[in-house]
Amino acid sequence: MAAEPRVLLTVILHHDQSKTLDEIMAHLKKTGFYRDFPPDGTELVSWVVAMSFGFILHLSVDPAKIRNLNRFMEQKSWGAFRYQVYPSYDFKAIAEQLKKDHG
């Protein structure tokens, strides 16, 4: 049986710089952001901090659950972060082949 389809999404979270870190953390605790992340149908692939920029998350998402992810972000992250979402794919193997082809 084929694997269930998944979509890779890159989520950028920019801290609301009009708030202190303590205010941001209080908001995230109040909404249950960290407690409830990742939402149903979503798998965390990677989560990195880009200093002075914010968080960059890669999520594997069941296409039928994309709305759940969007609602989760609206309900739990707004007020602490601005966020952007981009469809993504893993380019590593392609880059390695290009290096060989152009070497």
PDB file of N, CA and C in Angstrom:
ATOM      1  N   MET A   1       0.839  -1.169   0.000  1.00  0.00           N
ATOM      2  CA  MET A   1       0.000   0.000   0.000  1.00  0.00           C
ATOM      3  C   MET A   1       0.890   1.239   0.000  1.00  0.00           C
ATOM      4  N   ALA A   2       0.566   2.222  -0.815  1.00  0.00           N
ATOM      5  CA  ALA A   2       1.352   3.452  -0.902  1.00  0.00           C
ATOM      6  C   ALA A   2       1.216   4.252   0.385  1.00  0.00           C
ATOM      7  N   ALA A   3       2.280   4.987   0.693  1.00  0.00           N
ATOM      8  CA  ALA A   3       2.246   5.850   1.871  1.00  0.00           C
ATOM      9  C   ALA A   3       1.195   6.942   1.686  1.00  0.00           C
ATOM     10  N   GLU A   4       0.646   7.370   2.803  1.00  0.00           N
ATOM     11  CA  GLU A   4      -0.329   8.460   2.730  1.00  0.00           C
ATOM     12  C   GLU A   4       0.360   9.708   2.195  1.00  0.00           C
ATOM     13  N   PRO A   5      -0.331  10.495   1.385  1.00  0.00           N
ATOM     14  CA  PRO A   5       0.286  11.715   0.857  1.00  0.00           C
ATOM     15  C   PRO A   5       0.534  12.725   1.973  1.00  0.00           C
ATOM     16  N   ARG A   6       1.646  13.392   1.880  1.00  0.00           N
ATOM     17  CA  ARG A   6       2.008  14.436   2.845  1.00  0.00           C
ATOM     18  C   ARG A   6       2.512  15.637   2.052  1.00  0.00           C
ATOM     19  N   VAL A   7       2.387  16.789   2.639  1.00  0.00           N
ATOM     20  CA  VAL A   7       2.888  18.025   2.057  1.00  0.00           C
ATOM     21  C   VAL A   7       3.923  18.582   3.022  1.00  0.00           C
ATOM     22  N   LEU A   8       5.060  19.022   2.491  1.00  0.00           N
ATOM     23  CA  LEU A   8       6.068  19.676   3.315  1.00  0.00           C
ATOM     24  C   LEU A   8       5.796  21.175   3.287  1.00  0.00           C
ATOM     25  N   LEU A   9       5.674  21.765   4.466  1.00  0.00           N
ATOM     26  CA  LEU A   9       5.454  23.204   4.572  1.00  0.00           C
ATOM     27  C   LEU A   9       6.581  23.813   5.393  1.00  0.00           C
ATOM     28  N   THR A  10       7.051  24.986   4.962  1.00  0.00           N
ATOM     29  CA  THR A  10       7.978  25.783   5.745  1.00  0.00           C
ATOM     30  C   THR A  10       7.163  26.886   6.389  1.00  0.00           C
ATOM     31  N   VAL A  11       7.241  26.968   7.709  1.00  0.00           N
ATOM     32  CA  VAL A  11       6.510  27.981   8.466  1.00  0.00           C
ATOM     33  C   VAL A  11       7.537  28.909   9.090  1.00  0.00           C
ATOM     34  N   ILE A  12       7.396  30.200   8.823  1.00  0.00           N
ATOM     35  CA  ILE A  12       8.271  31.223   9.390  1.00  0.00           C
ATOM     36  C   ILE A  12       7.487  31.933  10.487  1.00  0.00           C
ATOM     37  N   LEU A  13       8.046  31.947  11.699  1.00  0.00           N
ATOM     38  CA  LEU A  13       7.423  32.655  12.814  1.00  0.00           C
ATOM     39  C   LEU A  13       8.322  33.827  13.201  1.00  0.00           C
ATOM     40  N   HIS A  14       7.802  35.029  13.042  1.00  0.00           N
ATOM     41  CA  HIS A  14       8.528  36.236  13.428  1.00  0.00           C
ATOM     42  C   HIS A  14       7.970  36.705  14.769  1.00  0.00           C
ATOM     43  N   HIS A  15       8.833  36.893  15.769  1.00  0.00           N
ATOM     44  CA  HIS A  15       8.379  37.394  17.057  1.00  0.00           C
ATOM     45  C   HIS A  15       7.776  38.785  16.903  1.00  0.00           C
ATOM     46  N   ASP A  16       6.728  39.053  17.655  1.00  0.00           N
ATOM     47  CA  ASP A  16       6.141  40.392  17.715  1.00  0.00           C
ATOM     48  C   ASP A  16       7.102  41.250  18.535  1.00  0.00           C
ATOM     49  N   GLN A  17       7.881  42.075  17.855  1.00  0.00           N
ATOM     50  CA  GLN A  17       8.929  42.835  18.528  1.00  0.00           C
ATOM     51  C   GLN A  17       8.403  44.033  19.314  1.00  0.00           C
ATOM     52  N   SER A  18       7.086  44.236  19.294  1.00  0.00           N
ATOM     53  CA  SER A  18       6.510  45.279  20.141  1.00  0.00           C
ATOM     54  C   SER A  18       6.293  44.758  21.559  1.00  0.00           C
ATOM     55  N   LYS A  19       6.571  43.461  21.771  1.00  0.00           N
ATOM     56  CA  LYS A  19       6.384  42.832  23.080  1.00  0.00           C
ATOM     57  C   LYS A  19       7.725  42.329  23.601  1.00  0.00           C
ATOM     58  N   THR A  20       7.814  42.260  24.919  1.00  0.00           N
ATOM     59  CA  THR A  20       9.000  41.660  25.532  1.00  0.00           C
ATOM     60  C   THR A  20       8.897  40.146  25.397  1.00  0.00           C
ATOM     61  N   LEU A  21      10.017  39.478  25.601  1.00  0.00           N
ATOM     62  CA  LEU A  21      10.010  38.021  25.559  1.00  0.00           C
ATOM     63  C   LEU A  21       9.072  37.453  26.623  1.00  0.00           C
ATOM     64  N   ASP A  22       9.067  38.068  27.806  1.00  0.00           N
ATOM     65  CA  ASP A  22       8.162  37.601  28.862  1.00  0.00           C
ATOM     66  C   ASP A  22       6.702  37.716  28.433  1.00  0.00           C
ATOM     67  N   GLU A  23       6.343  38.800  27.752  1.00  0.00           N
ATOM     68  CA  GLU A  23       4.968  38.972  27.265  1.00  0.00           C
ATOM     69  C   GLU A  23       4.627  37.932  26.203  1.00  0.00           C
ATOM     70  N   ILE A  24       5.570  37.669  25.312  1.00  0.00           N
ATOM     71  CA  ILE A  24       5.359  36.662  24.269  1.00  0.00           C
ATOM     72  C   ILE A  24       5.161  35.289  24.900  1.00  0.00           C
ATOM     73  N   MET A  25       6.032  34.929  25.841  1.00  0.00           N
ATOM     74  CA  MET A  25       5.931  33.625  26.484  1.00  0.00           C
ATOM     75  C   MET A  25       4.634  33.490  27.274  1.00  0.00           C
ATOM     76  N   ALA A  26       4.191  34.558  27.930  1.00  0.00           N
ATOM     77  CA  ALA A  26       2.927  34.524  28.672  1.00  0.00           C
ATOM     78  C   ALA A  26       1.759  34.290  27.726  1.00  0.00           C
ATOM     79  N   HIS A  27       1.798  34.943  26.564  1.00  0.00           N
ATOM     80  CA  HIS A  27       0.733  34.759  25.578  1.00  0.00           C
ATOM     81  C   HIS A  27       0.709  33.313  25.067  1.00  0.00           C
ATOM     82  N   LEU A  28       1.875  32.765  24.762  1.00  0.00           N
ATOM     83  CA  LEU A  28       1.955  31.396  24.252  1.00  0.00           C
ATOM     84  C   LEU A  28       1.518  30.382  25.311  1.00  0.00           C
ATOM     85  N   LYS A  29       1.823  30.658  26.575  1.00  0.00           N
ATOM     86  CA  LYS A  29       1.365  29.771  27.653  1.00  0.00           C
ATOM     87  C   LYS A  29      -0.155  29.855  27.784  1.00  0.00           C
ATOM     88  N   LYS A  30      -0.692  31.071  27.718  1.00  0.00           N
ATOM     89  CA  LYS A  30      -2.137  31.272  27.835  1.00  0.00           C
ATOM     90  C   LYS A  30      -2.901  30.538  26.725  1.00  0.00           C
ATOM     91  N   THR A  31      -2.370  30.575  25.506  1.00  0.00           N
ATOM     92  CA  THR A  31      -3.068  29.937  24.381  1.00  0.00           C
ATOM     93  C   THR A  31      -2.758  28.447  24.257  1.00  0.00           C
ATOM     94  N   GLY A  32      -1.744  27.963  24.981  1.00  0.00           N
ATOM     95  CA  GLY A  32      -1.372  26.550  24.894  1.00  0.00           C
ATOM     96  C   GLY A  32      -0.577  26.213  23.648  1.00  0.00           C
ATOM     97  N   PHE A  33       0.087  27.206  23.067  1.00  0.00           N
ATOM     98  CA  PHE A  33       0.816  26.979  21.816  1.00  0.00           C
ATOM     99  C   PHE A  33       1.807  25.816  21.939  1.00  0.00           C
ATOM    100  N   TYR A  34       2.751  25.907  22.880  1.00  0.00           N
ATOM    101  CA  TYR A  34       3.769  24.857  22.996  1.00  0.00           C
ATOM    102  C   TYR A  34       3.166  23.545  23.481  1.00  0.00           C
ATOM    103  N   ARG A  35       2.199  23.619  24.381  1.00  0.00           N
ATOM    104  CA  ARG A  35       1.555  22.407  24.903  1.00  0.00           C
ATOM    105  C   ARG A  35       0.895  21.600  23.789  1.00  0.00           C
ATOM    106  N   ASP A  36       0.244  22.290  22.837  1.00  0.00           N
ATOM    107  CA  ASP A  36      -0.577  21.635  21.819  1.00  0.00           C
ATOM    108  C   ASP A  36       0.098  21.463  20.458  1.00  0.00           C
ATOM    109  N   PHE A  37       1.342  21.948  20.325  1.00  0.00           N
ATOM    110  CA  PHE A  37       2.021  21.874  19.035  1.00  0.00           C
ATOM    111  C   PHE A  37       2.749  20.542  18.907  1.00  0.00           C
ATOM    112  N   PRO A  38       2.726  19.895  17.775  1.00  0.00           N
ATOM    113  CA  PRO A  38       2.060  20.259  16.523  1.00  0.00           C
ATOM    114  C   PRO A  38       0.591  19.806  16.541  1.00  0.00           C
ATOM    115  N   PRO A  39      -0.255  20.482  15.775  1.00  0.00           N
ATOM    116  CA  PRO A  39      -1.667  20.095  15.742  1.00  0.00           C
ATOM    117  C   PRO A  39      -1.878  18.753  15.035  1.00  0.00           C
ATOM    118  N   ASP A  40      -3.055  18.196  15.227  1.00  0.00           N
ATOM    119  CA  ASP A  40      -3.432  16.915  14.629  1.00  0.00           C
ATOM    120  C   ASP A  40      -3.188  16.923  13.119  1.00  0.00           C
ATOM    121  N   GLY A  41      -2.587  15.854  12.618  1.00  0.00           N
ATOM    122  CA  GLY A  41      -2.324  15.714  11.182  1.00  0.00           C
ATOM    123  C   GLY A  41      -1.037  16.368  10.733  1.00  0.00           C
ATOM    124  N   THR A  42      -0.258  16.889  11.701  1.00  0.00           N
ATOM    125  CA  THR A  42       0.972  17.614  11.400  1.00  0.00           C
ATOM    126  C   THR A  42       2.132  16.976  12.149  1.00  0.00           C
ATOM    127  N   GLU A  43       3.240  16.778  11.459  1.00  0.00           N
ATOM    128  CA  GLU A  43       4.444  16.229  12.075  1.00  0.00           C
ATOM    129  C   GLU A  43       5.563  17.252  11.977  1.00  0.00           C
ATOM    130  N   LEU A  44       6.227  17.529  13.083  1.00  0.00           N
ATOM    131  CA  LEU A  44       7.358  18.450  13.102  1.00  0.00           C
ATOM    132  C   LEU A  44       8.579  17.746  12.525  1.00  0.00           C
ATOM    133  N   VAL A  45       9.136  18.296  11.449  1.00  0.00           N
ATOM    134  CA  VAL A  45      10.329  17.740  10.804  1.00  0.00           C
ATOM    135  C   VAL A  45      11.575  18.433  11.353  1.00  0.00           C
ATOM    136  N   SER A  46      11.535  19.762  11.446  1.00  0.00           N
ATOM    137  CA  SER A  46      12.654  20.508  12.027  1.00  0.00           C
ATOM    138  C   SER A  46      12.156  21.850  12.539  1.00  0.00           C
ATOM    139  N   TRP A  47      12.897  22.373  13.510  1.00  0.00           N
ATOM    140  CA  TRP A  47      12.549  23.657  14.123  1.00  0.00           C
ATOM    141  C   TRP A  47      13.867  24.320  14.475  1.00  0.00           C
ATOM    142  N   VAL A  48      14.201  25.406  13.801  1.00  0.00           N
ATOM    143  CA  VAL A  48      15.455  26.099  14.061  1.00  0.00           C
ATOM    144  C   VAL A  48      15.182  27.558  14.398  1.00  0.00           C
ATOM    145  N   VAL A  49      16.122  28.143  15.125  1.00  0.00           N
ATOM    146  CA  VAL A  49      16.083  29.565  15.432  1.00  0.00           C
ATOM    147  C   VAL A  49      17.035  30.269  14.484  1.00  0.00           C
ATOM    148  N   ALA A  50      16.550  31.297  13.824  1.00  0.00           N
ATOM    149  CA  ALA A  50      17.397  32.186  13.042  1.00  0.00           C
ATOM    150  C   ALA A  50      17.470  33.489  13.843  1.00  0.00           C
ATOM    151  N   MET A  51      18.603  33.705  14.465  1.00  0.00           N
ATOM    152  CA  MET A  51      18.724  34.841  15.380  1.00  0.00           C
ATOM    153  C   MET A  51      18.390  36.150  14.661  1.00  0.00           C
ATOM    154  N   SER A  52      17.661  37.004  15.349  1.00  0.00           N
ATOM    155  CA  SER A  52      17.178  38.299  14.849  1.00  0.00           C
ATOM    156  C   SER A  52      16.117  38.149  13.773  1.00  0.00           C
ATOM    157  N   PHE A  53      15.672  36.923  13.515  1.00  0.00           N
ATOM    158  CA  PHE A  53      14.677  36.680  12.480  1.00  0.00           C
ATOM    159  C   PHE A  53      13.453  35.993  13.067  1.00  0.00           C
ATOM    160  N   GLY A  54      13.668  34.867  13.738  1.00  0.00           N
ATOM    161  CA  GLY A  54      12.575  34.115  14.335  1.00  0.00           C
ATOM    162  C   GLY A  54      12.793  32.629  14.180  1.00  0.00           C
ATOM    163  N   PHE A  55      11.703  31.883  14.142  1.00  0.00           N
ATOM    164  CA  PHE A  55      11.749  30.436  14.003  1.00  0.00           C
ATOM    165  C   PHE A  55      11.459  30.040  12.569  1.00  0.00           C
ATOM    166  N   ILE A  56      12.131  28.984  12.114  1.00  0.00           N
ATOM    167  CA  ILE A  56      11.850  28.370  10.822  1.00  0.00           C
ATOM    168  C   ILE A  56      11.514  26.909  11.103  1.00  0.00           C
ATOM    169  N   LEU A  57      10.272  26.543  10.810  1.00  0.00           N
ATOM    170  CA  LEU A  57       9.797  25.186  11.055  1.00  0.00           C
ATOM    171  C   LEU A  57       9.522  24.502   9.734  1.00  0.00           C
ATOM    172  N   HIS A  58       9.835  23.228   9.671  1.00  0.00           N
ATOM    173  CA  HIS A  58       9.427  22.388   8.545  1.00  0.00           C
ATOM    174  C   HIS A  58       8.439  21.372   9.096  1.00  0.00           C
ATOM    175  N   LEU A  59       7.276  21.317   8.474  1.00  0.00           N
ATOM    176  CA  LEU A  59       6.198  20.449   8.927  1.00  0.00           C
ATOM    177  C   LEU A  59       5.752  19.547   7.793  1.00  0.00           C
ATOM    178  N   SER A  60       5.534  18.284   8.111  1.00  0.00           N
ATOM    179  CA  SER A  60       4.937  17.345   7.178  1.00  0.00           C
ATOM    180  C   SER A  60       3.454  17.286   7.536  1.00  0.00           C
ATOM    181  N   VAL A  61       2.609  17.597   6.563  1.00  0.00           N
ATOM    182  CA  VAL A  61       1.189  17.776   6.853  1.00  0.00           C
ATOM    183  C   VAL A  61       0.342  16.908   5.927  1.00  0.00           C
ATOM    184  N   ASP A  62      -0.640  16.263   6.514  1.00  0.00           N
ATOM    185  CA  ASP A  62      -1.678  15.579   5.749  1.00  0.00           C
ATOM    186  C   ASP A  62      -2.455  16.676   5.022  1.00  0.00           C
ATOM    187  N   PRO A  63      -2.561  16.631   3.690  1.00  0.00           N
ATOM    188  CA  PRO A  63      -3.250  17.703   2.963  1.00  0.00           C
ATOM    189  C   PRO A  63      -4.650  18.004   3.499  1.00  0.00           C
ATOM    190  N   ALA A  64      -5.342  16.990   3.992  1.00  0.00           N
ATOM    191  CA  ALA A  64      -6.683  17.208   4.534  1.00  0.00           C
ATOM    192  C   ALA A  64      -6.649  17.964   5.856  1.00  0.00           C
ATOM    193  N   LYS A  65      -5.451  18.121   6.462  1.00  0.00           N
ATOM    194  CA  LYS A  65      -5.322  18.776   7.767  1.00  0.00           C
ATOM    195  C   LYS A  65      -4.684  20.161   7.677  1.00  0.00           C
ATOM    196  N   ILE A  66      -4.466  20.669   6.470  1.00  0.00           N
ATOM    197  CA  ILE A  66      -3.854  21.994   6.332  1.00  0.00           C
ATOM    198  C   ILE A  66      -4.710  23.061   7.005  1.00  0.00           C
ATOM    199  N   ARG A  67      -6.027  22.960   6.875  1.00  0.00           N
ATOM    200  CA  ARG A  67      -6.904  23.931   7.532  1.00  0.00           C
ATOM    201  C   ARG A  67      -6.714  23.876   9.045  1.00  0.00           C
ATOM    202  N   ASN A  68      -6.539  22.680   9.611  1.00  0.00           N
ATOM    203  CA  ASN A  68      -6.317  22.554  11.050  1.00  0.00           C
ATOM    204  C   ASN A  68      -5.056  23.311  11.472  1.00  0.00           C
ATOM    205  N   LEU A  69      -4.001  23.192  10.670  1.00  0.00           N
ATOM    206  CA  LEU A  69      -2.769  23.912  10.970  1.00  0.00           C
ATOM    207  C   LEU A  69      -3.010  25.413  10.923  1.00  0.00           C
ATOM    208  N   ASN A  70      -3.703  25.877   9.906  1.00  0.00           N
ATOM    209  CA  ASN A  70      -3.972  27.312   9.784  1.00  0.00           C
ATOM    210  C   ASN A  70      -4.774  27.817  10.983  1.00  0.00           C
ATOM    211  N   ARG A  71      -5.820  27.102  11.370  1.00  0.00           N
ATOM    212  CA  ARG A  71      -6.647  27.500  12.513  1.00  0.00           C
ATOM    213  C   ARG A  71      -5.837  27.480  13.806  1.00  0.00           C
ATOM    214  N   PHE A  72      -4.983  26.467  13.951  1.00  0.00           N
ATOM    215  CA  PHE A  72      -4.125  26.389  15.125  1.00  0.00           C
ATOM    216  C   PHE A  72      -3.270  27.652  15.225  1.00  0.00           C
ATOM    217  N   MET A  73      -2.630  28.020  14.118  1.00  0.00           N
ATOM    218  CA  MET A  73      -1.755  29.193  14.120  1.00  0.00           C
ATOM    219  C   MET A  73      -2.553  30.465  14.419  1.00  0.00           C
ATOM    220  N   GLU A  74      -3.732  30.601  13.828  1.00  0.00           N
ATOM    221  CA  GLU A  74      -4.557  31.786  14.087  1.00  0.00           C
ATOM    222  C   GLU A  74      -4.971  31.868  15.557  1.00  0.00           C
ATOM    223  N   GLN A  75      -5.331  30.748  16.141  1.00  0.00           N
ATOM    224  CA  GLN A  75      -5.844  30.749  17.510  1.00  0.00           C
ATOM    225  C   GLN A  75      -4.754  30.796  18.572  1.00  0.00           C
ATOM    226  N   LYS A  76      -3.592  30.247  18.288  1.00  0.00           N
ATOM    227  CA  LYS A  76      -2.597  30.091  19.343  1.00  0.00           C
ATOM    228  C   LYS A  76      -1.328  30.918  19.165  1.00  0.00           C
ATOM    229  N   SER A  77      -1.025  31.349  17.944  1.00  0.00           N
ATOM    230  CA  SER A  77       0.240  32.071  17.764  1.00  0.00           C
ATOM    231  C   SER A  77       0.054  33.571  17.527  1.00  0.00           C
ATOM    232  N   TRP A  78      -1.115  33.953  16.982  1.00  0.00           N
ATOM    233  CA  TRP A  78      -1.324  35.383  16.753  1.00  0.00           C
ATOM    234  C   TRP A  78      -1.246  36.121  18.077  1.00  0.00           C
ATOM    235  N   GLY A  79      -0.557  37.236  18.074  1.00  0.00           N
ATOM    236  CA  GLY A  79      -0.330  37.993  19.291  1.00  0.00           C
ATOM    237  C   GLY A  79       1.077  37.773  19.823  1.00  0.00           C
ATOM    238  N   ALA A  80       1.699  36.678  19.405  1.00  0.00           N
ATOM    239  CA  ALA A  80       3.089  36.408  19.762  1.00  0.00           C
ATOM    240  C   ALA A  80       3.982  36.441  18.525  1.00  0.00           C
ATOM    241  N   PHE A  81       3.423  35.960  17.412  1.00  0.00           N
ATOM    242  CA  PHE A  81       4.178  35.868  16.161  1.00  0.00           C
ATOM    243  C   PHE A  81       3.362  36.411  14.995  1.00  0.00           C
ATOM    244  N   ARG A  82       4.070  36.882  13.983  1.00  0.00           N
ATOM    245  CA  ARG A  82       3.522  36.978  12.626  1.00  0.00           C
ATOM    246  C   ARG A  82       4.014  35.703  11.962  1.00  0.00           C
ATOM    247  N   TYR A  83       3.221  35.140  11.062  1.00  0.00           N
ATOM    248  CA  TYR A  83       3.695  33.909  10.444  1.00  0.00           C
ATOM    249  C   TYR A  83       3.436  33.886   8.952  1.00  0.00           C
ATOM    250  N   GLN A  84       4.278  33.113   8.274  1.00  0.00           N
ATOM    251  CA  GLN A  84       4.170  32.889   6.841  1.00  0.00           C
ATOM    252  C   GLN A  84       4.315  31.392   6.603  1.00  0.00           C
ATOM    253  N   VAL A  85       3.639  30.886   5.572  1.00  0.00           N
ATOM    254  CA  VAL A  85       3.690  29.459   5.246  1.00  0.00           C
ATOM    255  C   VAL A  85       4.003  29.312   3.760  1.00  0.00           C
ATOM    256  N   TYR A  86       4.941  28.413   3.458  1.00  0.00           N
ATOM    257  CA  TYR A  86       5.353  28.175   2.078  1.00  0.00           C
ATOM    258  C   TYR A  86       5.373  26.679   1.791  1.00  0.00           C
ATOM    259  N   PRO A  87       4.780  26.248   0.663  1.00  0.00           N
ATOM    260  CA  PRO A  87       4.977  24.855   0.252  1.00  0.00           C
ATOM    261  C   PRO A  87       6.462  24.661  -0.061  1.00  0.00           C
ATOM    262  N   SER A  88       6.990  23.500   0.289  1.00  0.00           N
ATOM    263  CA  SER A  88       8.432  23.277   0.192  1.00  0.00           C
ATOM    264  C   SER A  88       8.719  21.873  -0.320  1.00  0.00           C
ATOM    265  N   TYR A  89       9.976  21.641  -0.678  1.00  0.00           N
ATOM    266  CA  TYR A  89      10.431  20.286  -0.969  1.00  0.00           C
ATOM    267  C   TYR A  89      11.915  20.202  -0.683  1.00  0.00           C
ATOM    268  N   ASP A  90      12.389  18.998  -0.449  1.00  0.00           N
ATOM    269  CA  ASP A  90      13.776  18.755  -0.092  1.00  0.00           C
ATOM    270  C   ASP A  90      14.641  18.836  -1.352  1.00  0.00           C
ATOM    271  N   PHE A  91      15.571  19.772  -1.378  1.00  0.00           N
ATOM    272  CA  PHE A  91      16.412  20.033  -2.544  1.00  0.00           C
ATOM    273  C   PHE A  91      17.800  19.405  -2.419  1.00  0.00           C
ATOM    274  N   LYS A  92      18.106  18.789  -1.267  1.00  0.00           N
ATOM    275  CA  LYS A  92      19.467  18.311  -1.009  1.00  0.00           C
ATOM    276  C   LYS A  92      19.973  17.348  -2.081  1.00  0.00           C
ATOM    277  N   ALA A  93      19.202  16.329  -2.415  1.00  0.00           N
ATOM    278  CA  ALA A  93      19.652  15.348  -3.412  1.00  0.00           C
ATOM    279  C   ALA A  93      19.845  16.003  -4.781  1.00  0.00           C
ATOM    280  N   ILE A  94      18.997  16.939  -5.129  1.00  0.00           N
ATOM    281  CA  ILE A  94      19.116  17.651  -6.412  1.00  0.00           C
ATOM    282  C   ILE A  94      20.398  18.479  -6.419  1.00  0.00           C
ATOM    283  N   ALA A  95      20.677  19.183  -5.311  1.00  0.00           N
ATOM    284  CA  ALA A  95      21.889  19.999  -5.224  1.00  0.00           C
ATOM    285  C   ALA A  95      23.145  19.142  -5.318  1.00  0.00           C
ATOM    286  N   GLU A  96      23.100  17.962  -4.678  1.00  0.00           N
ATOM    287  CA  GLU A  96      24.244  17.051  -4.761  1.00  0.00           C
ATOM    288  C   GLU A  96      24.460  16.568  -6.188  1.00  0.00           C
ATOM    289  N   GLN A  97      23.384  16.281  -6.914  1.00  0.00           N
ATOM    290  CA  GLN A  97      23.512  15.854  -8.312  1.00  0.00           C
ATOM    291  C   GLN A  97      24.034  16.996  -9.171  1.00  0.00           C
ATOM    292  N   LEU A  98      23.537  18.214  -8.934  1.00  0.00           N
ATOM    293  CA  LEU A  98      24.018  19.381  -9.691  1.00  0.00           C
ATOM    294  C   LEU A  98      25.519  19.605  -9.448  1.00  0.00           C
ATOM    295  N   LYS A  99      25.966  19.394  -8.220  1.00  0.00           N
ATOM    296  CA  LYS A  99      27.396  19.536  -7.918  1.00  0.00           C
ATOM    297  C   LYS A  99      28.216  18.555  -8.748  1.00  0.00           C
ATOM    298  N   LYS A 100      27.737  17.303  -8.840  1.00  0.00           N
ATOM    299  CA  LYS A 100      28.423  16.290  -9.652  1.00  0.00           C
ATOM    300  C   LYS A 100      28.399  16.670 -11.131  1.00  0.00           C
ATOM    301  N   ASP A 101      27.230  17.092 -11.615  1.00  0.00           N
ATOM    302  CA  ASP A 101      27.072  17.432 -13.032  1.00  0.00           C
ATOM    303  C   ASP A 101      27.887  18.645 -13.438  1.00  0.00           C
ATOM    304  N   HIS A 102      28.102  19.568 -12.521  1.00  0.00           N
ATOM    305  CA  HIS A 102      28.787  20.813 -12.849  1.00  0.00           C
ATOM    306  C   HIS A 102      30.233  20.810 -12.361  1.00  0.00           C
ATOM    307  N   GLY A 103      30.693  19.674 -11.826  1.00  0.00           N
ATOM    308  CA  GLY A 103      32.033  19.596 -11.229  1.00  0.00           C
ATOM    309  C   GLY A 103      33.136  19.402 -12.182  1.00  0.00           C
TER     310      GLY A 103
END
